[in-house]
Amino acid sequence: MSYRPGSIATAWRTAGFVLTLLVALCPAAAAQAWKPTRPAAFIVGAAPGGSIDLTARLIQNIWSETRIVGTPVIVINKPGAGNGIAWEYLNERGADGHSIAIGTTNLVSNPVIGLHKIGWRDVTPLAMLFDDYMVLAVRSDSPLRSMKDVADRLRKDSAALSIAFAPGLGAGSHTAAAVAVKATGANVRDARFVVYKSAGEALAAMLGGEIDIVSATSANIPPFLQSGRVRVLAVTAPQRLGGALAQIPTLKEQGYDAVFTNWRAVIGPKGMRREHLAFWEDALSRATKSDAWRRELERNFWTANFSTGDAARKFMERSSEDFRVLWASLGIKPRPAAPAR
C-alpha cells in the first residue's frame, strides 16, 4: 500500500473537521429531540375566566387538538401578588422542562412597585405572544366627549376626575391610565386613581355614577359600547383597532403622544435548559400559526407580536426600563419587594 505525500495529514485534518462538526451538531439534535414525558403544567397568575387565564387555555386547546406537545398540558391557577405567586410556584417546580407560565407586564412592574420580588430576569422568557391595548371609557351621558375634554379638566385640577382600574397597582390598566394622564400634561402624582378588584366592578361603578373614567382592556368594552351605555374616548394602541372598536381614535391621533400595551408572554423557570427552551419555543410558534389562534386574536382585539429568543428578552428589557422611568415620573420610589414565601 502506498500513500501520496501529505495524504496522512490530510486524512487527519478531515477526520478532525468531521468530529468538530458532529460535536457542534449534537446539542442542536438533542434540543430538537427532547419532548415532555409526562403532563406539563401551564401556570396562570389569575383566577379562571379572565383574559390571562383565557390566553393559557386557548393555547392549551390548540396543543390538545393538534397534538403538538404530545402529552397533556394542565392549566394551574395561582392568583395573587400580581402574578408573583404563580411565578414563584413556577420556579419552585424546577427547570426540568415540564412547567411554563403566562407572563404579563407585572414581570416589569412588580419589582419596581414592591408587589413581588420576581421580575423578568428571574424567569426564562420563551415567547412574546401579543399586544393587548387598553381603552379609556366614560358613561354615554358623560360631558367628557374626547381626550381634549379630559385634558382641559385635568390641567386645571389633576384630581378633578376619578379614574378606575383593576385589579391592583401596577396592573396594565393602571399603567395605561397613568400614561394617558401624563400625556395630557396634568400632574400625574395628584391624579385620582381608584382601584377595583375586577374590570367588571370598575365598569359597574362608572355606570352607577361613582367613577368618571374607566381604564380597561379592549375586550371588556364592546358589549357596553354596542348597548349604548358607554362612550370610548381613546385606545392606547399606535393605530386604530378593528371590528367594533374601529371608530375609536388613538391617543396619538388626538394629539397625545402616548402608547401602551398590556402585552402577554409565555415564560419558563429560571435556568431553563436549552433543549427545553427550544421545544416550547417551537410549540408556541406552531400554535400561533393556527386558524384558531388568529380568530381569537381578532375576537379579543389582540395584536400579534410573536417573538422568541433575544428579541423577546430585549422587548422585556425595554419594557422594564420604560416602566421604571414612568413610575419615577409619578413620584413614587421603588419599594422593597414582597419576599418569596
C-alpha atoms as a PDB file:
ATOM      1  CA  MET A   1       0.000   0.000   0.000  1.00  0.00           C
ATOM      2  CA  SER A   2       1.394   3.404  -0.879  1.00  0.00           C
ATOM      3  CA  TYR A   3       0.478   6.970   0.141  1.00  0.00           C
ATOM      4  CA  ARG A   4       0.853  10.237  -1.655  1.00  0.00           C
ATOM      5  CA  PRO A   5       2.866  12.882   0.195  1.00  0.00           C
ATOM      6  CA  GLY A   6       0.672  14.684   2.737  1.00  0.00           C
ATOM      7  CA  SER A   7      -2.211  12.224   2.427  1.00  0.00           C
ATOM      8  CA  ILE A   8      -1.988  11.096   6.078  1.00  0.00           C
ATOM      9  CA  ALA A   9      -2.015  14.665   7.350  1.00  0.00           C
ATOM     10  CA  THR A  10      -4.947  15.449   5.082  1.00  0.00           C
ATOM     11  CA  ALA A  11      -6.833  12.436   6.376  1.00  0.00           C
ATOM     12  CA  TRP A  12      -6.295  13.503   9.977  1.00  0.00           C
ATOM     13  CA  ARG A  13      -7.439  17.058   9.211  1.00  0.00           C
ATOM     14  CA  THR A  14     -10.572  15.690   7.536  1.00  0.00           C
ATOM     15  CA  ALA A  15     -11.324  13.441  10.486  1.00  0.00           C
ATOM     16  CA  GLY A  16     -10.838  16.354  12.863  1.00  0.00           C
ATOM     17  CA  PHE A  17     -13.233  18.507  10.859  1.00  0.00           C
ATOM     18  CA  VAL A  18     -15.898  15.796  10.849  1.00  0.00           C
ATOM     19  CA  LEU A  19     -15.522  15.279  14.620  1.00  0.00           C
ATOM     20  CA  THR A  20     -15.806  19.024  15.253  1.00  0.00           C
ATOM     21  CA  LEU A  21     -18.908  19.178  13.073  1.00  0.00           C
ATOM     22  CA  LEU A  22     -20.547  16.310  14.947  1.00  0.00           C
ATOM     23  CA  VAL A  23     -19.824  17.910  18.303  1.00  0.00           C
ATOM     24  CA  ALA A  24     -21.359  21.158  17.093  1.00  0.00           C
ATOM     25  CA  LEU A  25     -24.469  19.443  15.796  1.00  0.00           C
ATOM     26  CA  CYS A  26     -25.119  17.153  18.736  1.00  0.00           C
ATOM     27  CA  PRO A  27     -26.567  19.841  21.093  1.00  0.00           C
ATOM     28  CA  ALA A  28     -28.931  21.041  18.359  1.00  0.00           C
ATOM     29  CA  ALA A  29     -30.029  17.493  17.662  1.00  0.00           C
ATOM     30  CA  ALA A  30     -30.574  16.876  21.361  1.00  0.00           C
ATOM     31  CA  ALA A  31     -32.571  20.096  21.667  1.00  0.00           C
ATOM     32  CA  GLN A  32     -34.826  19.054  18.818  1.00  0.00           C
ATOM     33  CA  ALA A  33     -35.230  15.519  20.202  1.00  0.00           C
ATOM     34  CA  TRP A  34     -36.346  16.469  23.741  1.00  0.00           C
ATOM     35  CA  LYS A  35     -40.059  16.489  24.494  1.00  0.00           C
ATOM     36  CA  PRO A  36     -42.199  16.194  27.625  1.00  0.00           C
ATOM     37  CA  THR A  37     -42.532  12.700  29.064  1.00  0.00           C
ATOM     38  CA  ARG A  38     -45.416  13.464  31.428  1.00  0.00           C
ATOM     39  CA  PRO A  39     -48.217  16.078  31.707  1.00  0.00           C
ATOM     40  CA  ALA A  40     -46.884  19.645  31.627  1.00  0.00           C
ATOM     41  CA  ALA A  41     -48.082  22.464  33.861  1.00  0.00           C
ATOM     42  CA  PHE A  42     -49.210  25.771  32.346  1.00  0.00           C
ATOM     43  CA  ILE A  43     -49.321  28.148  35.318  1.00  0.00           C
ATOM     44  CA  VAL A  44     -51.579  31.218  35.374  1.00  0.00           C
ATOM     45  CA  GLY A  45     -51.325  34.016  37.940  1.00  0.00           C
ATOM     46  CA  ALA A  46     -55.033  34.826  37.863  1.00  0.00           C
ATOM     47  CA  ALA A  47     -58.336  33.165  38.644  1.00  0.00           C
ATOM     48  CA  PRO A  48     -60.208  31.246  35.931  1.00  0.00           C
ATOM     49  CA  GLY A  49     -62.224  33.334  33.498  1.00  0.00           C
ATOM     50  CA  GLY A  50     -60.044  36.394  32.953  1.00  0.00           C
ATOM     51  CA  SER A  51     -58.018  37.302  29.883  1.00  0.00           C
ATOM     52  CA  ILE A  52     -54.776  35.883  31.328  1.00  0.00           C
ATOM     53  CA  ASP A  53     -56.476  32.566  32.018  1.00  0.00           C
ATOM     54  CA  LEU A  54     -58.118  32.692  28.572  1.00  0.00           C
ATOM     55  CA  THR A  55     -54.703  33.041  26.931  1.00  0.00           C
ATOM     56  CA  ALA A  56     -53.366  29.873  28.557  1.00  0.00           C
ATOM     57  CA  ARG A  57     -56.500  27.832  27.895  1.00  0.00           C
ATOM     58  CA  LEU A  58     -56.584  28.884  24.252  1.00  0.00           C
ATOM     59  CA  ILE A  59     -53.013  27.644  23.743  1.00  0.00           C
ATOM     60  CA  GLN A  60     -53.789  24.524  25.778  1.00  0.00           C
ATOM     61  CA  ASN A  61     -56.752  23.717  23.495  1.00  0.00           C
ATOM     62  CA  ILE A  62     -54.716  24.237  20.329  1.00  0.00           C
ATOM     63  CA  TRP A  63     -51.976  21.946  21.615  1.00  0.00           C
ATOM     64  CA  SER A  64     -54.541  19.337  22.598  1.00  0.00           C
ATOM     65  CA  GLU A  65     -56.263  19.360  19.206  1.00  0.00           C
ATOM     66  CA  THR A  66     -53.045  19.348  17.164  1.00  0.00           C
ATOM     67  CA  ARG A  67     -51.011  17.055  19.482  1.00  0.00           C
ATOM     68  CA  ILE A  68     -48.080  19.453  19.143  1.00  0.00           C
ATOM     69  CA  VAL A  69     -46.857  18.826  22.690  1.00  0.00           C
ATOM     70  CA  GLY A  70     -47.545  15.104  22.762  1.00  0.00           C
ATOM     71  CA  THR A  71     -48.612  14.971  26.419  1.00  0.00           C
ATOM     72  CA  PRO A  72     -51.475  16.678  28.277  1.00  0.00           C
ATOM     73  CA  VAL A  73     -50.952  20.320  29.278  1.00  0.00           C
ATOM     74  CA  ILE A  74     -52.761  21.212  32.522  1.00  0.00           C
ATOM     75  CA  VAL A  75     -53.626  24.817  33.400  1.00  0.00           C
ATOM     76  CA  ILE A  76     -52.936  25.576  37.072  1.00  0.00           C
ATOM     77  CA  ASN A  77     -54.320  28.833  38.513  1.00  0.00           C
ATOM     78  CA  LYS A  78     -52.225  30.514  41.208  1.00  0.00           C
ATOM     79  CA  PRO A  79     -53.624  34.047  41.609  1.00  0.00           C
ATOM     80  CA  GLY A  80     -52.140  36.727  43.829  1.00  0.00           C
ATOM     81  CA  ALA A  81     -49.350  39.298  44.188  1.00  0.00           C
ATOM     82  CA  GLY A  82     -49.630  40.489  40.604  1.00  0.00           C
ATOM     83  CA  ASN A  83     -48.910  37.007  39.208  1.00  0.00           C
ATOM     84  CA  GLY A  84     -45.949  36.759  41.569  1.00  0.00           C
ATOM     85  CA  ILE A  85     -47.290  33.720  43.428  1.00  0.00           C
ATOM     86  CA  ALA A  86     -47.624  31.879  40.115  1.00  0.00           C
ATOM     87  CA  TRP A  87     -44.080  32.708  39.052  1.00  0.00           C
ATOM     88  CA  GLU A  88     -42.713  31.714  42.443  1.00  0.00           C
ATOM     89  CA  TYR A  89     -44.520  28.389  42.048  1.00  0.00           C
ATOM     90  CA  LEU A  90     -43.068  28.056  38.537  1.00  0.00           C
ATOM     91  CA  ASN A  91     -39.522  28.367  39.836  1.00  0.00           C
ATOM     92  CA  GLU A  92     -40.233  26.008  42.742  1.00  0.00           C
ATOM     93  CA  ARG A  93     -41.286  23.271  40.320  1.00  0.00           C
ATOM     94  CA  GLY A  94     -37.782  23.283  38.865  1.00  0.00           C
ATOM     95  CA  ALA A  95     -36.299  23.543  35.393  1.00  0.00           C
ATOM     96  CA  ASP A  96     -36.974  20.037  34.092  1.00  0.00           C
ATOM     97  CA  GLY A  97     -38.935  21.358  31.129  1.00  0.00           C
ATOM     98  CA  HIS A  98     -42.405  20.376  32.321  1.00  0.00           C
ATOM     99  CA  SER A  99     -43.535  23.765  33.666  1.00  0.00           C
ATOM    100  CA  ILE A 100     -44.282  27.030  31.865  1.00  0.00           C
ATOM    101  CA  ALA A 101     -46.383  30.077  32.740  1.00  0.00           C
ATOM    102  CA  ILE A 102     -48.123  33.108  31.294  1.00  0.00           C
ATOM    103  CA  GLY A 103     -46.062  36.287  31.581  1.00  0.00           C
ATOM    104  CA  THR A 104     -47.570  39.767  31.859  1.00  0.00           C
ATOM    105  CA  THR A 105     -46.420  43.355  32.327  1.00  0.00           C
ATOM    106  CA  ASN A 106     -46.191  42.584  36.048  1.00  0.00           C
ATOM    107  CA  LEU A 107     -42.836  40.982  35.229  1.00  0.00           C
ATOM    108  CA  VAL A 108     -41.500  44.526  34.849  1.00  0.00           C
ATOM    109  CA  SER A 109     -43.772  46.367  37.299  1.00  0.00           C
ATOM    110  CA  ASN A 110     -43.768  44.121  40.372  1.00  0.00           C
ATOM    111  CA  PRO A 111     -40.117  44.651  41.379  1.00  0.00           C
ATOM    112  CA  VAL A 112     -40.495  48.426  40.949  1.00  0.00           C
ATOM    113  CA  ILE A 113     -43.686  48.882  42.965  1.00  0.00           C
ATOM    114  CA  GLY A 114     -42.756  46.255  45.544  1.00  0.00           C
ATOM    115  CA  LEU A 115     -45.632  43.892  44.814  1.00  0.00           C
ATOM    116  CA  HIS A 116     -43.387  40.834  44.409  1.00  0.00           C
ATOM    117  CA  LYS A 117     -39.659  40.325  44.018  1.00  0.00           C
ATOM    118  CA  ILE A 118     -39.773  38.120  40.902  1.00  0.00           C
ATOM    119  CA  GLY A 119     -39.156  40.069  37.698  1.00  0.00           C
ATOM    120  CA  TRP A 120     -38.389  39.173  34.110  1.00  0.00           C
ATOM    121  CA  ARG A 121     -34.727  38.450  34.882  1.00  0.00           C
ATOM    122  CA  ASP A 122     -35.792  35.803  37.420  1.00  0.00           C
ATOM    123  CA  VAL A 123     -37.504  33.624  34.812  1.00  0.00           C
ATOM    124  CA  THR A 124     -36.742  32.409  31.285  1.00  0.00           C
ATOM    125  CA  PRO A 125     -38.632  34.345  28.583  1.00  0.00           C
ATOM    126  CA  LEU A 126     -39.892  31.871  25.970  1.00  0.00           C
ATOM    127  CA  ALA A 127     -42.053  33.989  23.673  1.00  0.00           C
ATOM    128  CA  MET A 128     -43.918  37.257  23.338  1.00  0.00           C
ATOM    129  CA  LEU A 129     -47.451  36.493  22.175  1.00  0.00           C
ATOM    130  CA  PHE A 130     -49.455  39.653  21.504  1.00  0.00           C
ATOM    131  CA  ASP A 131     -50.222  43.250  22.444  1.00  0.00           C
ATOM    132  CA  ASP A 132     -53.390  43.854  24.449  1.00  0.00           C
ATOM    133  CA  TYR A 133     -54.254  47.541  24.243  1.00  0.00           C
ATOM    134  CA  MET A 134     -56.349  49.458  26.745  1.00  0.00           C
ATOM    135  CA  VAL A 135     -59.238  51.888  26.327  1.00  0.00           C
ATOM    136  CA  LEU A 136     -60.462  54.860  28.336  1.00  0.00           C
ATOM    137  CA  ALA A 137     -64.254  54.810  28.620  1.00  0.00           C
ATOM    138  CA  VAL A 138     -66.964  57.005  30.165  1.00  0.00           C
ATOM    139  CA  ARG A 139     -70.733  56.809  30.508  1.00  0.00           C
ATOM    140  CA  SER A 140     -72.606  57.657  27.335  1.00  0.00           C
ATOM    141  CA  ASP A 141     -74.133  60.719  29.027  1.00  0.00           C
ATOM    142  CA  SER A 142     -70.783  61.988  30.341  1.00  0.00           C
ATOM    143  CA  PRO A 143     -69.793  65.561  29.464  1.00  0.00           C
ATOM    144  CA  LEU A 144     -66.375  64.148  28.535  1.00  0.00           C
ATOM    145  CA  ARG A 145     -66.587  63.606  24.776  1.00  0.00           C
ATOM    146  CA  SER A 146     -62.903  63.452  23.832  1.00  0.00           C
ATOM    147  CA  MET A 147     -59.426  63.381  25.347  1.00  0.00           C
ATOM    148  CA  LYS A 148     -59.325  67.159  24.949  1.00  0.00           C
ATOM    149  CA  ASP A 149     -62.166  67.441  27.440  1.00  0.00           C
ATOM    150  CA  VAL A 150     -60.232  65.201  29.821  1.00  0.00           C
ATOM    151  CA  ALA A 151     -57.035  67.193  29.350  1.00  0.00           C
ATOM    152  CA  ASP A 152     -58.815  70.524  29.932  1.00  0.00           C
ATOM    153  CA  ARG A 153     -60.265  69.295  33.224  1.00  0.00           C
ATOM    154  CA  LEU A 154     -57.064  67.693  34.481  1.00  0.00           C
ATOM    155  CA  ARG A 155     -54.819  70.630  33.624  1.00  0.00           C
ATOM    156  CA  LYS A 156     -56.969  72.837  35.847  1.00  0.00           C
ATOM    157  CA  ASP A 157     -57.154  70.249  38.625  1.00  0.00           C
ATOM    158  CA  SER A 158     -55.262  66.965  38.377  1.00  0.00           C
ATOM    159  CA  ALA A 159     -57.680  65.359  40.838  1.00  0.00           C
ATOM    160  CA  ALA A 160     -60.833  66.621  39.109  1.00  0.00           C
ATOM    161  CA  LEU A 161     -61.675  63.248  37.562  1.00  0.00           C
ATOM    162  CA  SER A 162     -61.763  59.812  39.156  1.00  0.00           C
ATOM    163  CA  ILE A 163     -60.135  57.104  37.027  1.00  0.00           C
ATOM    164  CA  ALA A 164     -60.824  53.472  37.846  1.00  0.00           C
ATOM    165  CA  PHE A 165     -58.843  50.350  37.006  1.00  0.00           C
ATOM    166  CA  ALA A 166     -58.422  46.764  38.181  1.00  0.00           C
ATOM    167  CA  PRO A 167     -57.193  44.598  39.749  1.00  0.00           C
ATOM    168  CA  GLY A 168     -54.383  46.494  41.511  1.00  0.00           C
ATOM    169  CA  LEU A 169     -51.474  48.914  41.425  1.00  0.00           C
ATOM    170  CA  GLY A 170     -49.084  48.238  38.567  1.00  0.00           C
ATOM    171  CA  ALA A 171     -51.713  46.426  36.514  1.00  0.00           C
ATOM    172  CA  GLY A 172     -51.790  47.153  32.798  1.00  0.00           C
ATOM    173  CA  SER A 173     -54.954  49.222  33.176  1.00  0.00           C
ATOM    174  CA  HIS A 174     -53.284  51.311  35.883  1.00  0.00           C
ATOM    175  CA  THR A 175     -50.171  51.944  33.817  1.00  0.00           C
ATOM    176  CA  ALA A 176     -52.268  52.772  30.743  1.00  0.00           C
ATOM    177  CA  ALA A 177     -54.256  55.341  32.706  1.00  0.00           C
ATOM    178  CA  ALA A 178     -51.062  56.884  34.096  1.00  0.00           C
ATOM    179  CA  VAL A 179     -49.530  57.078  30.616  1.00  0.00           C
ATOM    180  CA  ALA A 180     -52.646  58.813  29.280  1.00  0.00           C
ATOM    181  CA  VAL A 181     -52.843  61.320  32.142  1.00  0.00           C
ATOM    182  CA  LYS A 182     -49.156  62.113  31.835  1.00  0.00           C
ATOM    183  CA  ALA A 183     -49.591  62.765  28.103  1.00  0.00           C
ATOM    184  CA  THR A 184     -52.272  65.397  28.761  1.00  0.00           C
ATOM    185  CA  GLY A 185     -49.752  67.488  30.685  1.00  0.00           C
ATOM    186  CA  ALA A 186     -51.531  67.042  34.016  1.00  0.00           C
ATOM    187  CA  ASN A 187     -49.684  66.301  37.247  1.00  0.00           C
ATOM    188  CA  VAL A 188     -49.888  62.503  37.416  1.00  0.00           C
ATOM    189  CA  ARG A 189     -48.833  62.421  41.055  1.00  0.00           C
ATOM    190  CA  ASP A 190     -52.081  64.148  42.041  1.00  0.00           C
ATOM    191  CA  ALA A 191     -54.382  62.198  39.731  1.00  0.00           C
ATOM    192  CA  ARG A 192     -57.287  60.438  41.459  1.00  0.00           C
ATOM    193  CA  PHE A 193     -56.904  56.750  40.658  1.00  0.00           C
ATOM    194  CA  VAL A 194     -59.369  54.275  42.173  1.00  0.00           C
ATOM    195  CA  VAL A 195     -58.620  50.536  42.393  1.00  0.00           C
ATOM    196  CA  TYR A 196     -61.269  47.828  41.956  1.00  0.00           C
ATOM    197  CA  LYS A 197     -60.986  44.061  42.193  1.00  0.00           C
ATOM    198  CA  SER A 198     -62.113  43.475  38.613  1.00  0.00           C
ATOM    199  CA  ALA A 199     -62.845  45.360  35.409  1.00  0.00           C
ATOM    200  CA  GLY A 200     -66.492  44.370  35.812  1.00  0.00           C
ATOM    201  CA  GLU A 201     -66.672  46.118  39.182  1.00  0.00           C
ATOM    202  CA  ALA A 202     -64.948  49.213  37.800  1.00  0.00           C
ATOM    203  CA  LEU A 203     -67.367  49.416  34.870  1.00  0.00           C
ATOM    204  CA  ALA A 204     -70.354  48.919  37.169  1.00  0.00           C
ATOM    205  CA  ALA A 205     -69.121  51.751  39.382  1.00  0.00           C
ATOM    206  CA  MET A 206     -68.773  54.020  36.360  1.00  0.00           C
ATOM    207  CA  LEU A 207     -72.238  53.144  35.061  1.00  0.00           C
ATOM    208  CA  GLY A 208     -73.581  53.832  38.553  1.00  0.00           C
ATOM    209  CA  GLY A 209     -72.093  57.323  38.539  1.00  0.00           C
ATOM    210  CA  GLU A 210     -69.401  56.653  41.158  1.00  0.00           C
ATOM    211  CA  ILE A 211     -66.471  56.981  38.733  1.00  0.00           C
ATOM    212  CA  ASP A 212     -65.757  59.329  35.822  1.00  0.00           C
ATOM    213  CA  ILE A 213     -63.442  57.197  33.649  1.00  0.00           C
ATOM    214  CA  VAL A 214     -62.519  53.521  33.433  1.00  0.00           C
ATOM    215  CA  SER A 215     -59.266  52.187  32.041  1.00  0.00           C
ATOM    216  CA  ALA A 216     -59.829  48.636  30.835  1.00  0.00           C
ATOM    217  CA  THR A 217     -58.685  46.112  28.271  1.00  0.00           C
ATOM    218  CA  SER A 218     -60.273  46.495  24.849  1.00  0.00           C
ATOM    219  CA  ALA A 219     -62.091  43.147  25.001  1.00  0.00           C
ATOM    220  CA  ASN A 220     -64.143  44.326  28.016  1.00  0.00           C
ATOM    221  CA  ILE A 221     -65.833  47.174  26.158  1.00  0.00           C
ATOM    222  CA  PRO A 222     -67.752  46.059  23.004  1.00  0.00           C
ATOM    223  CA  PRO A 223     -70.884  44.757  24.828  1.00  0.00           C
ATOM    224  CA  PHE A 224     -71.265  48.079  26.663  1.00  0.00           C
ATOM    225  CA  LEU A 225     -70.446  50.068  23.548  1.00  0.00           C
ATOM    226  CA  GLN A 226     -72.979  48.218  21.417  1.00  0.00           C
ATOM    227  CA  SER A 227     -75.694  48.687  24.034  1.00  0.00           C
ATOM    228  CA  GLY A 228     -75.045  52.427  24.011  1.00  0.00           C
ATOM    229  CA  ARG A 229     -74.140  52.538  27.699  1.00  0.00           C
ATOM    230  CA  VAL A 230     -70.570  53.796  27.316  1.00  0.00           C
ATOM    231  CA  ARG A 231     -68.512  56.101  25.150  1.00  0.00           C
ATOM    232  CA  VAL A 232     -64.889  55.220  24.465  1.00  0.00           C
ATOM    233  CA  LEU A 233     -62.611  58.254  24.395  1.00  0.00           C
ATOM    234  CA  ALA A 234     -59.383  56.653  23.223  1.00  0.00           C
ATOM    235  CA  VAL A 235     -57.387  53.483  22.734  1.00  0.00           C
ATOM    236  CA  THR A 236     -53.717  53.228  23.764  1.00  0.00           C
ATOM    237  CA  ALA A 237     -52.683  51.484  20.525  1.00  0.00           C
ATOM    238  CA  PRO A 238     -50.353  53.037  17.916  1.00  0.00           C
ATOM    239  CA  GLN A 239     -53.170  52.785  15.363  1.00  0.00           C
ATOM    240  CA  ARG A 240     -56.894  52.106  15.480  1.00  0.00           C
ATOM    241  CA  LEU A 241     -58.131  48.634  16.251  1.00  0.00           C
ATOM    242  CA  GLY A 242     -60.621  46.762  14.098  1.00  0.00           C
ATOM    243  CA  GLY A 243     -64.128  45.395  14.440  1.00  0.00           C
ATOM    244  CA  ALA A 244     -66.443  47.065  16.921  1.00  0.00           C
ATOM    245  CA  LEU A 245     -63.644  49.427  18.002  1.00  0.00           C
ATOM    246  CA  ALA A 246     -62.696  50.634  14.521  1.00  0.00           C
ATOM    247  CA  GLN A 247     -64.182  54.076  15.147  1.00  0.00           C
ATOM    248  CA  ILE A 248     -62.294  54.680  18.387  1.00  0.00           C
ATOM    249  CA  PRO A 249     -59.439  57.185  17.946  1.00  0.00           C
ATOM    250  CA  THR A 250     -55.998  56.599  19.406  1.00  0.00           C
ATOM    251  CA  LEU A 251     -54.400  58.924  21.917  1.00  0.00           C
ATOM    252  CA  LYS A 252     -51.789  59.843  19.329  1.00  0.00           C
ATOM    253  CA  GLU A 253     -54.255  60.944  16.669  1.00  0.00           C
ATOM    254  CA  GLN A 254     -55.870  63.231  19.253  1.00  0.00           C
ATOM    255  CA  GLY A 255     -52.522  64.909  19.837  1.00  0.00           C
ATOM    256  CA  TYR A 256     -51.291  62.995  22.889  1.00  0.00           C
ATOM    257  CA  ASP A 257     -48.011  61.170  22.370  1.00  0.00           C
ATOM    258  CA  ALA A 258     -48.774  58.021  24.315  1.00  0.00           C
ATOM    259  CA  VAL A 259     -48.918  54.310  23.515  1.00  0.00           C
ATOM    260  CA  PHE A 260     -49.219  51.461  25.983  1.00  0.00           C
ATOM    261  CA  THR A 261     -49.501  47.706  25.500  1.00  0.00           C
ATOM    262  CA  ASN A 262     -50.552  45.251  28.184  1.00  0.00           C
ATOM    263  CA  TRP A 263     -48.510  42.530  26.450  1.00  0.00           C
ATOM    264  CA  ARG A 264     -48.778  38.830  27.051  1.00  0.00           C
ATOM    265  CA  ALA A 265     -45.922  36.314  27.024  1.00  0.00           C
ATOM    266  CA  VAL A 266     -45.007  32.756  27.971  1.00  0.00           C
ATOM    267  CA  ILE A 267     -42.122  32.103  30.334  1.00  0.00           C
ATOM    268  CA  GLY A 268     -40.228  29.185  31.823  1.00  0.00           C
ATOM    269  CA  PRO A 269     -38.475  28.869  35.179  1.00  0.00           C
ATOM    270  CA  LYS A 270     -35.124  30.476  35.751  1.00  0.00           C
ATOM    271  CA  GLY A 271     -32.240  28.436  34.385  1.00  0.00           C
ATOM    272  CA  MET A 272     -34.321  26.510  31.862  1.00  0.00           C
ATOM    273  CA  ARG A 273     -32.137  24.242  29.742  1.00  0.00           C
ATOM    274  CA  ARG A 274     -31.623  24.992  26.072  1.00  0.00           C
ATOM    275  CA  GLU A 275     -33.345  21.841  24.810  1.00  0.00           C
ATOM    276  CA  HIS A 276     -36.446  22.587  26.909  1.00  0.00           C
ATOM    277  CA  LEU A 277     -36.489  26.186  25.755  1.00  0.00           C
ATOM    278  CA  ALA A 278     -36.181  25.126  22.111  1.00  0.00           C
ATOM    279  CA  PHE A 279     -39.086  22.686  22.426  1.00  0.00           C
ATOM    280  CA  TRP A 280     -41.500  25.221  23.923  1.00  0.00           C
ATOM    281  CA  GLU A 281     -40.460  27.989  21.532  1.00  0.00           C
ATOM    282  CA  ASP A 282     -41.298  25.685  18.638  1.00  0.00           C
ATOM    283  CA  ALA A 283     -44.574  24.528  20.217  1.00  0.00           C
ATOM    284  CA  LEU A 284     -45.660  28.135  20.784  1.00  0.00           C
ATOM    285  CA  SER A 285     -44.650  29.182  17.282  1.00  0.00           C
ATOM    286  CA  ARG A 286     -46.736  26.400  15.766  1.00  0.00           C
ATOM    287  CA  ALA A 287     -49.736  27.199  17.983  1.00  0.00           C
ATOM    288  CA  THR A 288     -49.726  30.881  16.988  1.00  0.00           C
ATOM    289  CA  LYS A 289     -49.833  29.956  13.305  1.00  0.00           C
ATOM    290  CA  SER A 290     -53.161  28.146  13.694  1.00  0.00           C
ATOM    291  CA  ASP A 291     -56.511  29.454  12.465  1.00  0.00           C
ATOM    292  CA  ALA A 292     -57.953  29.133  15.990  1.00  0.00           C
ATOM    293  CA  TRP A 293     -55.264  31.468  17.344  1.00  0.00           C
ATOM    294  CA  ARG A 294     -55.850  34.043  14.610  1.00  0.00           C
ATOM    295  CA  ARG A 295     -59.599  34.001  15.268  1.00  0.00           C
ATOM    296  CA  GLU A 296     -59.091  34.642  18.979  1.00  0.00           C
ATOM    297  CA  LEU A 297     -56.673  37.493  18.299  1.00  0.00           C
ATOM    298  CA  GLU A 298     -59.311  39.195  16.189  1.00  0.00           C
ATOM    299  CA  ARG A 299     -62.175  38.473  18.599  1.00  0.00           C
ATOM    300  CA  ASN A 300     -60.305  39.891  21.613  1.00  0.00           C
ATOM    301  CA  PHE A 301     -58.716  42.849  19.774  1.00  0.00           C
ATOM    302  CA  TRP A 302     -55.263  41.421  20.434  1.00  0.00           C
ATOM    303  CA  THR A 303     -52.465  42.427  18.048  1.00  0.00           C
ATOM    304  CA  ALA A 304     -49.996  39.690  17.079  1.00  0.00           C
ATOM    305  CA  ASN A 305     -46.492  40.366  18.357  1.00  0.00           C
ATOM    306  CA  PHE A 306     -44.834  36.959  18.343  1.00  0.00           C
ATOM    307  CA  SER A 307     -41.121  36.720  19.016  1.00  0.00           C
ATOM    308  CA  THR A 308     -38.707  34.385  20.788  1.00  0.00           C
ATOM    309  CA  GLY A 309     -35.068  34.312  21.853  1.00  0.00           C
ATOM    310  CA  ASP A 310     -33.105  37.543  22.009  1.00  0.00           C
ATOM    311  CA  ALA A 311     -35.967  39.554  20.508  1.00  0.00           C
ATOM    312  CA  ALA A 312     -38.322  38.541  23.335  1.00  0.00           C
ATOM    313  CA  ARG A 313     -35.714  39.227  26.007  1.00  0.00           C
ATOM    314  CA  LYS A 314     -34.858  42.630  24.569  1.00  0.00           C
ATOM    315  CA  PHE A 315     -38.541  43.537  24.415  1.00  0.00           C
ATOM    316  CA  MET A 316     -38.904  42.780  28.135  1.00  0.00           C
ATOM    317  CA  GLU A 317     -35.749  44.716  28.928  1.00  0.00           C
ATOM    318  CA  ARG A 318     -37.053  47.808  27.105  1.00  0.00           C
ATOM    319  CA  SER A 319     -40.440  47.423  28.765  1.00  0.00           C
ATOM    320  CA  SER A 320     -38.769  47.226  32.167  1.00  0.00           C
ATOM    321  CA  GLU A 321     -36.844  50.443  31.618  1.00  0.00           C
ATOM    322  CA  ASP A 322     -39.934  52.238  30.268  1.00  0.00           C
ATOM    323  CA  PHE A 323     -41.914  51.267  33.359  1.00  0.00           C
ATOM    324  CA  ARG A 324     -39.139  52.350  35.708  1.00  0.00           C
ATOM    325  CA  VAL A 325     -38.995  55.768  34.039  1.00  0.00           C
ATOM    326  CA  LEU A 326     -42.787  56.106  34.128  1.00  0.00           C
ATOM    327  CA  TRP A 327     -43.002  55.142  37.777  1.00  0.00           C
ATOM    328  CA  ALA A 328     -40.279  57.652  38.633  1.00  0.00           C
ATOM    329  CA  SER A 329     -42.292  60.358  36.855  1.00  0.00           C
ATOM    330  CA  LEU A 330     -45.215  59.568  39.160  1.00  0.00           C
ATOM    331  CA  GLY A 331     -43.002  60.491  42.101  1.00  0.00           C
ATOM    332  CA  ILE A 332     -43.182  57.010  43.574  1.00  0.00           C
ATOM    333  CA  LYS A 333     -39.916  55.481  44.649  1.00  0.00           C
ATOM    334  CA  PRO A 334     -39.365  51.738  44.257  1.00  0.00           C
ATOM    335  CA  ARG A 335     -40.480  49.857  47.359  1.00  0.00           C
ATOM    336  CA  PRO A 336     -38.954  46.690  48.832  1.00  0.00           C
ATOM    337  CA  ALA A 337     -40.492  43.729  47.069  1.00  0.00           C
ATOM    338  CA  ALA A 338     -42.609  41.200  48.904  1.00  0.00           C
ATOM    339  CA  PRO A 339     -40.363  38.284  49.879  1.00  0.00           C
ATOM    340  CA  ALA A 340     -40.829  34.820  48.444  1.00  0.00           C
ATOM    341  CA  ARG A 341     -42.701  32.515  50.774  1.00  0.00           C
END
